[in-house]
Amino acid sequence: MNNVHYQVSGLAGSESKTKLNNALDKIEGVHKVEVDLARGTVEVQFNNPATGEEIKRCIEHTGYKLDSN
């Protein structure tokens, strides 16, 4: 099981959490998505064929910006 953790700008309210969960759940291989609104983080557990890069692109296409940290 692989795990990625991102700092994400623009997360506000349960709508953001739902939007990201729904988008990431569509990626084959994603097992668990945890969005922490208070910390502004997204953590994803996944296996092949999903990749960290694909997850990153999905977050950005959903309208959020990854913090470079």
PDB file of N, CA and C in Angstrom:
ATOM      1  N   MET A   1       0.848  -1.182   0.000  1.00  0.00           N
ATOM      2  CA  MET A   1       0.000   0.000   0.000  1.00  0.00           C
ATOM      3  C   MET A   1       0.891   1.242   0.000  1.00  0.00           C
ATOM      4  N   ASN A   2       0.629   2.147  -0.922  1.00  0.00           N
ATOM      5  CA  ASN A   2       1.350   3.409  -0.999  1.00  0.00           C
ATOM      6  C   ASN A   2       0.535   4.492  -0.303  1.00  0.00           C
ATOM      7  N   ASN A   3       1.231   5.549   0.113  1.00  0.00           N
ATOM      8  CA  ASN A   3       0.582   6.626   0.831  1.00  0.00           C
ATOM      9  C   ASN A   3       1.184   7.954   0.379  1.00  0.00           C
ATOM     10  N   VAL A   4       0.333   8.923   0.052  1.00  0.00           N
ATOM     11  CA  VAL A   4       0.807  10.269  -0.265  1.00  0.00           C
ATOM     12  C   VAL A   4       0.092  11.258   0.644  1.00  0.00           C
ATOM     13  N   HIS A   5       0.785  12.340   0.948  1.00  0.00           N
ATOM     14  CA  HIS A   5       0.265  13.350   1.863  1.00  0.00           C
ATOM     15  C   HIS A   5       0.565  14.721   1.245  1.00  0.00           C
ATOM     16  N   TYR A   6      -0.461  15.527   1.071  1.00  0.00           N
ATOM     17  CA  TYR A   6      -0.280  16.847   0.441  1.00  0.00           C
ATOM     18  C   TYR A   6      -0.853  17.945   1.311  1.00  0.00           C
ATOM     19  N   GLN A   7      -0.161  19.090   1.337  1.00  0.00           N
ATOM     20  CA  GLN A   7      -0.708  20.331   1.892  1.00  0.00           C
ATOM     21  C   GLN A   7      -1.474  20.977   0.736  1.00  0.00           C
ATOM     22  N   VAL A   8      -2.735  21.328   0.979  1.00  0.00           N
ATOM     23  CA  VAL A   8      -3.588  21.823  -0.094  1.00  0.00           C
ATOM     24  C   VAL A   8      -4.203  23.162   0.304  1.00  0.00           C
ATOM     25  N   SER A   9      -4.105  24.158  -0.587  1.00  0.00           N
ATOM     26  CA  SER A   9      -4.712  25.468  -0.359  1.00  0.00           C
ATOM     27  C   SER A   9      -6.132  25.475  -0.889  1.00  0.00           C
ATOM     28  N   GLY A  10      -7.007  26.185  -0.197  1.00  0.00           N
ATOM     29  CA  GLY A  10      -8.362  26.387  -0.684  1.00  0.00           C
ATOM     30  C   GLY A  10      -9.405  25.451  -0.098  1.00  0.00           C
ATOM     31  N   LEU A  11      -9.010  24.585   0.819  1.00  0.00           N
ATOM     32  CA  LEU A  11      -9.983  23.689   1.434  1.00  0.00           C
ATOM     33  C   LEU A  11     -10.802  24.473   2.452  1.00  0.00           C
ATOM     34  N   ALA A  12     -12.116  24.499   2.248  1.00  0.00           N
ATOM     35  CA  ALA A  12     -12.980  25.239   3.172  1.00  0.00           C
ATOM     36  C   ALA A  12     -14.355  24.595   3.218  1.00  0.00           C
ATOM     37  N   GLY A  13     -14.680  24.020   4.339  1.00  0.00           N
ATOM     38  CA  GLY A  13     -16.012  23.460   4.534  1.00  0.00           C
ATOM     39  C   GLY A  13     -16.185  22.058   3.989  1.00  0.00           C
ATOM     40  N   SER A  14     -17.324  21.487   4.355  1.00  0.00           N
ATOM     41  CA  SER A  14     -17.595  20.092   3.994  1.00  0.00           C
ATOM     42  C   SER A  14     -17.744  19.896   2.489  1.00  0.00           C
ATOM     43  N   GLU A  15     -18.100  20.966   1.764  1.00  0.00           N
ATOM     44  CA  GLU A  15     -18.225  20.855   0.303  1.00  0.00           C
ATOM     45  C   GLU A  15     -16.880  20.525  -0.331  1.00  0.00           C
ATOM     46  N   SER A  16     -15.810  21.144   0.156  1.00  0.00           N
ATOM     47  CA  SER A  16     -14.461  20.857  -0.353  1.00  0.00           C
ATOM     48  C   SER A  16     -14.090  19.404  -0.095  1.00  0.00           C
ATOM     49  N   LYS A  17     -14.407  18.944   1.097  1.00  0.00           N
ATOM     50  CA  LYS A  17     -14.088  17.568   1.486  1.00  0.00           C
ATOM     51  C   LYS A  17     -14.831  16.577   0.589  1.00  0.00           C
ATOM     52  N   THR A  18     -16.108  16.814   0.379  1.00  0.00           N
ATOM     53  CA  THR A  18     -16.922  15.935  -0.464  1.00  0.00           C
ATOM     54  C   THR A  18     -16.434  15.951  -1.900  1.00  0.00           C
ATOM     55  N   LYS A  19     -16.139  17.135  -2.410  1.00  0.00           N
ATOM     56  CA  LYS A  19     -15.677  17.293  -3.790  1.00  0.00           C
ATOM     57  C   LYS A  19     -14.383  16.508  -4.031  1.00  0.00           C
ATOM     58  N   LEU A  20     -13.435  16.640  -3.114  1.00  0.00           N
ATOM     59  CA  LEU A  20     -12.159  15.925  -3.260  1.00  0.00           C
ATOM     60  C   LEU A  20     -12.338  14.421  -3.092  1.00  0.00           C
ATOM     61  N   ASN A  21     -13.097  14.005  -2.098  1.00  0.00           N
ATOM     62  CA  ASN A  21     -13.348  12.578  -1.893  1.00  0.00           C
ATOM     63  C   ASN A  21     -13.953  11.950  -3.140  1.00  0.00           C
ATOM     64  N   ASN A  22     -14.964  12.594  -3.706  1.00  0.00           N
ATOM     65  CA  ASN A  22     -15.636  12.051  -4.895  1.00  0.00           C
ATOM     66  C   ASN A  22     -14.689  11.964  -6.084  1.00  0.00           C
ATOM     67  N   ALA A  23     -13.865  12.986  -6.280  1.00  0.00           N
ATOM     68  CA  ALA A  23     -12.931  12.997  -7.410  1.00  0.00           C
ATOM     69  C   ALA A  23     -11.866  11.907  -7.251  1.00  0.00           C
ATOM     70  N   LEU A  24     -11.290  11.799  -6.060  1.00  0.00           N
ATOM     71  CA  LEU A  24     -10.215  10.831  -5.839  1.00  0.00           C
ATOM     72  C   LEU A  24     -10.722   9.393  -5.823  1.00  0.00           C
ATOM     73  N   ASP A  25     -11.946   9.191  -5.380  1.00  0.00           N
ATOM     74  CA  ASP A  25     -12.525   7.845  -5.362  1.00  0.00           C
ATOM     75  C   ASP A  25     -12.707   7.263  -6.762  1.00  0.00           C
ATOM     76  N   LYS A  26     -12.728   8.116  -7.775  1.00  0.00           N
ATOM     77  CA  LYS A  26     -12.896   7.658  -9.152  1.00  0.00           C
ATOM     78  C   LYS A  26     -11.609   7.071  -9.741  1.00  0.00           C
ATOM     79  N   ILE A  27     -10.485   7.289  -9.060  1.00  0.00           N
ATOM     80  CA  ILE A  27      -9.205   6.771  -9.548  1.00  0.00           C
ATOM     81  C   ILE A  27      -9.089   5.307  -9.133  1.00  0.00           C
ATOM     82  N   GLU A  28      -8.890   4.447 -10.113  1.00  0.00           N
ATOM     83  CA  GLU A  28      -8.745   3.018  -9.828  1.00  0.00           C
ATOM     84  C   GLU A  28      -7.475   2.780  -9.013  1.00  0.00           C
ATOM     85  N   GLY A  29      -7.628   2.089  -7.900  1.00  0.00           N
ATOM     86  CA  GLY A  29      -6.505   1.786  -7.030  1.00  0.00           C
ATOM     87  C   GLY A  29      -6.506   2.593  -5.742  1.00  0.00           C
ATOM     88  N   VAL A  30      -7.295   3.671  -5.689  1.00  0.00           N
ATOM     89  CA  VAL A  30      -7.381   4.476  -4.465  1.00  0.00           C
ATOM     90  C   VAL A  30      -8.240   3.732  -3.453  1.00  0.00           C
ATOM     91  N   HIS A  31      -7.697   3.554  -2.233  1.00  0.00           N
ATOM     92  CA  HIS A  31      -8.398   2.798  -1.199  1.00  0.00           C
ATOM     93  C   HIS A  31      -8.996   3.685  -0.119  1.00  0.00           C
ATOM     94  N   LYS A  32      -8.275   4.731   0.263  1.00  0.00           N
ATOM     95  CA  LYS A  32      -8.734   5.561   1.374  1.00  0.00           C
ATOM     96  C   LYS A  32      -8.307   7.001   1.138  1.00  0.00           C
ATOM     97  N   VAL A  33      -9.235   7.924   1.388  1.00  0.00           N
ATOM     98  CA  VAL A  33      -8.957   9.349   1.250  1.00  0.00           C
ATOM     99  C   VAL A  33      -9.312  10.021   2.577  1.00  0.00           C
ATOM    100  N   GLU A  34      -8.372  10.778   3.123  1.00  0.00           N
ATOM    101  CA  GLU A  34      -8.636  11.528   4.343  1.00  0.00           C
ATOM    102  C   GLU A  34      -8.329  12.993   4.080  1.00  0.00           C
ATOM    103  N   VAL A  35      -9.359  13.831   4.219  1.00  0.00           N
ATOM    104  CA  VAL A  35      -9.212  15.267   4.037  1.00  0.00           C
ATOM    105  C   VAL A  35      -9.335  15.913   5.410  1.00  0.00           C
ATOM    106  N   ASP A  36      -8.301  16.632   5.829  1.00  0.00           N
ATOM    107  CA  ASP A  36      -8.314  17.336   7.115  1.00  0.00           C
ATOM    108  C   ASP A  36      -8.432  18.827   6.828  1.00  0.00           C
ATOM    109  N   LEU A  37      -9.644  19.355   6.991  1.00  0.00           N
ATOM    110  CA  LEU A  37      -9.890  20.759   6.680  1.00  0.00           C
ATOM    111  C   LEU A  37      -9.115  21.691   7.606  1.00  0.00           C
ATOM    112  N   ALA A  38      -9.017  21.340   8.869  1.00  0.00           N
ATOM    113  CA  ALA A  38      -8.330  22.196   9.840  1.00  0.00           C
ATOM    114  C   ALA A  38      -6.852  22.370   9.508  1.00  0.00           C
ATOM    115  N   ARG A  39      -6.225  21.306   9.049  1.00  0.00           N
ATOM    116  CA  ARG A  39      -4.794  21.353   8.715  1.00  0.00           C
ATOM    117  C   ARG A  39      -4.543  21.672   7.245  1.00  0.00           C
ATOM    118  N   GLY A  40      -5.573  21.546   6.426  1.00  0.00           N
ATOM    119  CA  GLY A  40      -5.397  21.784   4.992  1.00  0.00           C
ATOM    120  C   GLY A  40      -4.597  20.682   4.330  1.00  0.00           C
ATOM    121  N   THR A  41      -4.868  19.432   4.740  1.00  0.00           N
ATOM    122  CA  THR A  41      -4.111  18.314   4.192  1.00  0.00           C
ATOM    123  C   THR A  41      -5.029  17.265   3.566  1.00  0.00           C
ATOM    124  N   VAL A  42      -4.447  16.539   2.621  1.00  0.00           N
ATOM    125  CA  VAL A  42      -5.121  15.402   2.000  1.00  0.00           C
ATOM    126  C   VAL A  42      -4.154  14.237   2.046  1.00  0.00           C
ATOM    127  N   GLU A  43      -4.626  13.108   2.560  1.00  0.00           N
ATOM    128  CA  GLU A  43      -3.818  11.890   2.616  1.00  0.00           C
ATOM    129  C   GLU A  43      -4.561  10.796   1.864  1.00  0.00           C
ATOM    130  N   VAL A  44      -3.834  10.108   0.991  1.00  0.00           N
ATOM    131  CA  VAL A  44      -4.457   9.089   0.147  1.00  0.00           C
ATOM    132  C   VAL A  44      -3.651   7.793   0.229  1.00  0.00           C
ATOM    133  N   GLN A  45      -4.342   6.684   0.478  1.00  0.00           N
ATOM    134  CA  GLN A  45      -3.728   5.364   0.419  1.00  0.00           C
ATOM    135  C   GLN A  45      -4.161   4.723  -0.896  1.00  0.00           C
ATOM    136  N   PHE A  46      -3.186   4.140  -1.609  1.00  0.00           N
ATOM    137  CA  PHE A  46      -3.495   3.596  -2.929  1.00  0.00           C
ATOM    138  C   PHE A  46      -2.553   2.469  -3.302  1.00  0.00           C
ATOM    139  N   ASN A  47      -2.978   1.708  -4.275  1.00  0.00           N
ATOM    140  CA  ASN A  47      -2.176   0.661  -4.914  1.00  0.00           C
ATOM    141  C   ASN A  47      -2.227   0.900  -6.416  1.00  0.00           C
ATOM    142  N   ASN A  48      -1.438   0.121  -7.162  1.00  0.00           N
ATOM    143  CA  ASN A  48      -1.493   0.179  -8.626  1.00  0.00           C
ATOM    144  C   ASN A  48      -2.899  -0.142  -9.085  1.00  0.00           C
ATOM    145  N   PRO A  49      -3.370   0.453 -10.134  1.00  0.00           N
ATOM    146  CA  PRO A  49      -2.644   1.267 -11.112  1.00  0.00           C
ATOM    147  C   PRO A  49      -2.551   2.757 -10.761  1.00  0.00           C
ATOM    148  N   ALA A  50      -3.097   3.190  -9.627  1.00  0.00           N
ATOM    149  CA  ALA A  50      -3.022   4.606  -9.240  1.00  0.00           C
ATOM    150  C   ALA A  50      -1.568   4.997  -8.977  1.00  0.00           C
ATOM    151  N   THR A  51      -1.251   6.274  -9.228  1.00  0.00           N
ATOM    152  CA  THR A  51       0.088   6.807  -8.950  1.00  0.00           C
ATOM    153  C   THR A  51      -0.045   8.108  -8.165  1.00  0.00           C
ATOM    154  N   GLY A  52       1.010   8.459  -7.470  1.00  0.00           N
ATOM    155  CA  GLY A  52       1.027   9.725  -6.741  1.00  0.00           C
ATOM    156  C   GLY A  52       0.837  10.906  -7.663  1.00  0.00           C
ATOM    157  N   GLU A  53       1.422  10.834  -8.850  1.00  0.00           N
ATOM    158  CA  GLU A  53       1.292  11.925  -9.829  1.00  0.00           C
ATOM    159  C   GLU A  53      -0.149  12.067 -10.305  1.00  0.00           C
ATOM    160  N   GLU A  54      -0.822  10.947 -10.536  1.00  0.00           N
ATOM    161  CA  GLU A  54      -2.220  10.971 -10.964  1.00  0.00           C
ATOM    162  C   GLU A  54      -3.104  11.587  -9.870  1.00  0.00           C
ATOM    163  N   ILE A  55      -2.821  11.255  -8.629  1.00  0.00           N
ATOM    164  CA  ILE A  55      -3.581  11.804  -7.498  1.00  0.00           C
ATOM    165  C   ILE A  55      -3.348  13.305  -7.395  1.00  0.00           C
ATOM    166  N   LYS A  56      -2.108  13.715  -7.554  1.00  0.00           N
ATOM    167  CA  LYS A  56      -1.757  15.149  -7.517  1.00  0.00           C
ATOM    168  C   LYS A  56      -2.500  15.914  -8.604  1.00  0.00           C
ATOM    169  N   ARG A  57      -2.499  15.387  -9.826  1.00  0.00           N
ATOM    170  CA  ARG A  57      -3.208  16.042 -10.936  1.00  0.00           C
ATOM    171  C   ARG A  57      -4.708  16.126 -10.662  1.00  0.00           C
ATOM    172  N   CYS A  58      -5.264  15.082 -10.082  1.00  0.00           N
ATOM    173  CA  CYS A  58      -6.691  15.050  -9.773  1.00  0.00           C
ATOM    174  C   CYS A  58      -7.042  16.161  -8.777  1.00  0.00           C
ATOM    175  N   ILE A  59      -6.228  16.324  -7.744  1.00  0.00           N
ATOM    176  CA  ILE A  59      -6.467  17.385  -6.753  1.00  0.00           C
ATOM    177  C   ILE A  59      -6.431  18.749  -7.430  1.00  0.00           C
ATOM    178  N   GLU A  60      -5.438  18.958  -8.293  1.00  0.00           N
ATOM    179  CA  GLU A  60      -5.308  20.242  -8.993  1.00  0.00           C
ATOM    180  C   GLU A  60      -6.460  20.462  -9.969  1.00  0.00           C
ATOM    181  N   HIS A  61      -6.892  19.429 -10.684  1.00  0.00           N
ATOM    182  CA  HIS A  61      -8.004  19.558 -11.632  1.00  0.00           C
ATOM    183  C   HIS A  61      -9.326  19.808 -10.916  1.00  0.00           C
ATOM    184  N   THR A  62      -9.412  19.416  -9.648  1.00  0.00           N
ATOM    185  CA  THR A  62     -10.624  19.633  -8.866  1.00  0.00           C
ATOM    186  C   THR A  62     -10.698  21.089  -8.411  1.00  0.00           C
ATOM    187  N   GLY A  63      -9.604  21.836  -8.591  1.00  0.00           N
ATOM    188  CA  GLY A  63      -9.631  23.270  -8.310  1.00  0.00           C
ATOM    189  C   GLY A  63      -8.828  23.705  -7.101  1.00  0.00           C
ATOM    190  N   TYR A  64      -7.976  22.819  -6.595  1.00  0.00           N
ATOM    191  CA  TYR A  64      -7.179  23.159  -5.417  1.00  0.00           C
ATOM    192  C   TYR A  64      -5.719  23.251  -5.784  1.00  0.00           C
ATOM    193  N   LYS A  65      -4.976  24.009  -4.981  1.00  0.00           N
ATOM    194  CA  LYS A  65      -3.559  24.233  -5.243  1.00  0.00           C
ATOM    195  C   LYS A  65      -2.737  23.501  -4.183  1.00  0.00           C
ATOM    196  N   LEU A  66      -1.756  22.735  -4.641  1.00  0.00           N
ATOM    197  CA  LEU A  66      -0.858  22.059  -3.711  1.00  0.00           C
ATOM    198  C   LEU A  66       0.195  23.039  -3.232  1.00  0.00           C
ATOM    199  N   ASP A  67       0.398  23.116  -1.929  1.00  0.00           N
ATOM    200  CA  ASP A  67       1.427  23.971  -1.366  1.00  0.00           C
ATOM    201  C   ASP A  67       2.778  23.322  -1.587  1.00  0.00           C
ATOM    202  N   SER A  68       3.749  24.112  -2.006  1.00  0.00           N
ATOM    203  CA  SER A  68       5.098  23.578  -2.214  1.00  0.00           C
ATOM    204  C   SER A  68       5.824  23.599  -0.887  1.00  0.00           C
ATOM    205  N   ASN A  69       5.744  22.474  -0.186  1.00  0.00           N
ATOM    206  CA  ASN A  69       6.351  22.383   1.132  1.00  0.00           C
ATOM    207  C   ASN A  69       6.877  21.000   1.374  1.00  0.00           C
TER     208      ASN A  69
END
